[in-house]
Amino acid sequence: MTVEAESLLTPSEAAAVLGIPPGEVGRLADRGQLSPLYTLGRHRRYREAEVRDLARRREEQGELLTASEVAGVFKVHRNSVHRWVRLGLLVPAGTGSRGRLYRKADVEALSGVQAPGPVTEPTGA
């Protein structure tokens, strides 16, 4: 298939398919998640099939939450979320423009487990 026969999308059109702000489309391309083509005027265009495939993969991945959003679910400081990552209780799904992102399904699964509290010294009885 030649480039002329492919359906190409502008950044705004790609953003609408992905459900993200137009500026984020360029960042996805900069991170290698999309491969832009360039017009003679050096404007980016994206293959529709590639954009739809990325949208499908993002949907399969599920809703993503930031550390602050996860902390809000548990009513703890976001640093606690980072500690849970170090302890292996929560695994980041990746990073985005908002920092580390966590799958909502993983957070919901963690809510069934008691969140680790602060370390305290045992008291003598």
Protein backbone atom coordinates (compact mmCIF):
# COMPACT_ATOMS: atom_id res chain seq x y z
CA MET A 1 0.00 0.00 0.00
CA THR A 2 1.44 3.39 -0.91
CA VAL A 3 1.35 6.43 1.32
CA GLU A 4 -1.04 8.12 -1.10
CA ALA A 5 -3.56 5.27 -0.71
CA GLU A 6 -3.33 5.25 3.10
CA SER A 7 -5.69 7.29 5.20
CA LEU A 8 -3.65 9.86 7.12
CA LEU A 9 -4.78 11.81 10.17
CA THR A 10 -3.79 15.22 11.46
CA PRO A 11 -2.67 15.43 15.10
CA SER A 12 -6.13 16.74 16.07
CA GLU A 13 -7.87 13.86 14.28
CA ALA A 14 -5.50 11.32 15.87
CA ALA A 15 -6.14 12.89 19.28
CA ALA A 16 -9.89 12.53 18.78
CA VAL A 17 -9.49 8.81 17.97
CA LEU A 18 -7.23 8.29 21.01
CA GLY A 19 -9.28 10.49 23.34
CA ILE A 20 -6.30 12.63 24.38
CA PRO A 21 -5.27 16.28 23.92
CA PRO A 22 -3.65 17.04 20.52
CA GLY A 23 -0.30 17.94 22.12
CA GLU A 24 -0.07 14.47 23.62
CA VAL A 25 -0.08 12.92 20.12
CA GLY A 26 3.27 14.54 19.37
CA ARG A 27 4.65 13.26 22.67
CA LEU A 28 3.49 9.74 21.77
CA ALA A 29 5.40 10.09 18.50
CA ASP A 30 8.47 11.42 20.32
CA ARG A 31 8.38 8.34 22.59
CA GLY A 32 8.11 6.03 19.57
CA GLN A 33 4.52 4.89 20.15
CA LEU A 34 3.42 6.45 16.84
CA SER A 35 5.40 6.90 13.63
CA PRO A 36 4.64 10.25 12.02
CA LEU A 37 4.90 11.02 8.35
CA TYR A 38 5.72 14.58 7.37
CA THR A 39 4.12 16.81 4.76
CA LEU A 40 6.27 19.01 2.55
CA GLY A 41 5.57 21.79 5.06
CA ARG A 42 6.96 19.54 7.86
CA HIS A 43 3.54 18.97 9.46
CA ARG A 44 3.02 15.60 11.10
CA ARG A 45 0.47 13.11 9.80
CA TYR A 46 -0.31 9.71 11.28
CA ARG A 47 -1.46 6.50 9.63
CA GLU A 48 -5.07 5.87 10.61
CA ALA A 49 -4.52 2.12 11.02
CA GLU A 50 -1.59 2.72 13.39
CA VAL A 51 -3.58 5.24 15.46
CA ARG A 52 -6.57 2.89 15.72
CA ASP A 53 -4.27 0.03 16.72
CA LEU A 54 -2.73 2.17 19.47
CA ALA A 55 -6.22 3.18 20.65
CA ARG A 56 -7.22 -0.51 20.82
CA ARG A 57 -4.09 -1.42 22.79
CA ARG A 58 -4.64 1.47 25.21
CA GLU A 59 -8.24 0.39 25.72
CA GLU A 60 -7.18 -3.21 26.39
CA GLN A 61 -4.67 -1.92 28.92
CA GLY A 62 -7.49 -0.31 30.88
CA GLU A 63 -7.84 3.00 32.63
CA LEU A 64 -4.59 4.34 34.04
CA LEU A 65 -4.21 6.29 37.28
CA THR A 66 -1.43 8.54 38.56
CA ALA A 67 0.24 7.97 41.93
CA SER A 68 -1.80 10.84 43.36
CA GLU A 69 -5.05 9.29 42.11
CA VAL A 70 -4.06 5.91 43.60
CA ALA A 71 -3.20 7.66 46.87
CA GLY A 72 -6.64 9.26 46.85
CA VAL A 73 -8.28 5.84 46.59
CA PHE A 74 -6.45 4.66 49.72
CA LYS A 75 -6.42 8.06 51.47
CA VAL A 76 -2.63 8.01 51.85
CA HIS A 77 0.22 10.24 50.68
CA ARG A 78 1.44 9.52 47.14
CA ASN A 79 4.88 8.62 48.52
CA SER A 80 3.18 5.58 50.06
CA VAL A 81 2.24 4.47 46.56
CA HIS A 82 5.88 4.72 45.49
CA ARG A 83 6.86 2.66 48.54
CA TRP A 84 4.32 -0.03 47.52
CA VAL A 85 6.05 -0.16 44.13
CA ARG A 86 9.42 -0.72 45.81
CA LEU A 87 7.84 -3.48 47.93
CA GLY A 88 6.41 -5.12 44.80
CA LEU A 89 2.77 -4.64 45.83
CA LEU A 90 1.96 -2.46 42.81
CA VAL A 91 3.57 -2.46 39.37
CA PRO A 92 3.54 0.66 37.16
CA ALA A 93 1.90 0.13 33.78
CA GLY A 94 4.25 2.67 32.27
CA THR A 95 4.91 6.36 32.28
CA GLY A 96 3.08 9.20 30.67
CA SER A 97 3.07 12.96 30.69
CA ARG A 98 1.61 12.67 34.20
CA GLY A 99 4.45 10.48 35.55
CA ARG A 100 4.16 6.81 36.50
CA LEU A 101 0.79 5.32 35.67
CA TYR A 102 -0.95 2.37 37.30
CA ARG A 103 -3.73 0.15 35.93
CA LYS A 104 -7.04 0.71 37.67
CA ALA A 105 -7.60 -3.06 37.78
CA ASP A 106 -4.29 -3.51 39.66
CA VAL A 107 -5.30 -0.81 42.14
CA GLU A 108 -8.68 -2.44 42.68
CA ALA A 109 -6.95 -5.78 43.27
CA LEU A 110 -4.63 -4.12 45.79
CA SER A 111 -7.62 -2.68 47.66
CA GLY A 112 -8.49 -6.26 48.69
CA VAL A 113 -5.10 -6.49 50.39
CA GLN A 114 -4.42 -4.47 53.52
CA ALA A 115 -2.21 -1.55 52.57
CA PRO A 116 1.04 -1.61 54.51
CA GLY A 117 1.11 0.99 57.25
CA PRO A 118 4.08 2.74 58.82
CA VAL A 119 6.72 0.59 60.48
CA THR A 120 6.43 0.79 64.25
CA GLU A 121 8.51 -0.68 67.03
CA PRO A 122 6.79 -3.44 69.03
CA THR A 123 5.76 -2.40 72.50
CA GLY A 124 6.73 -4.43 75.51
CA ALA A 125 3.86 -6.14 77.24
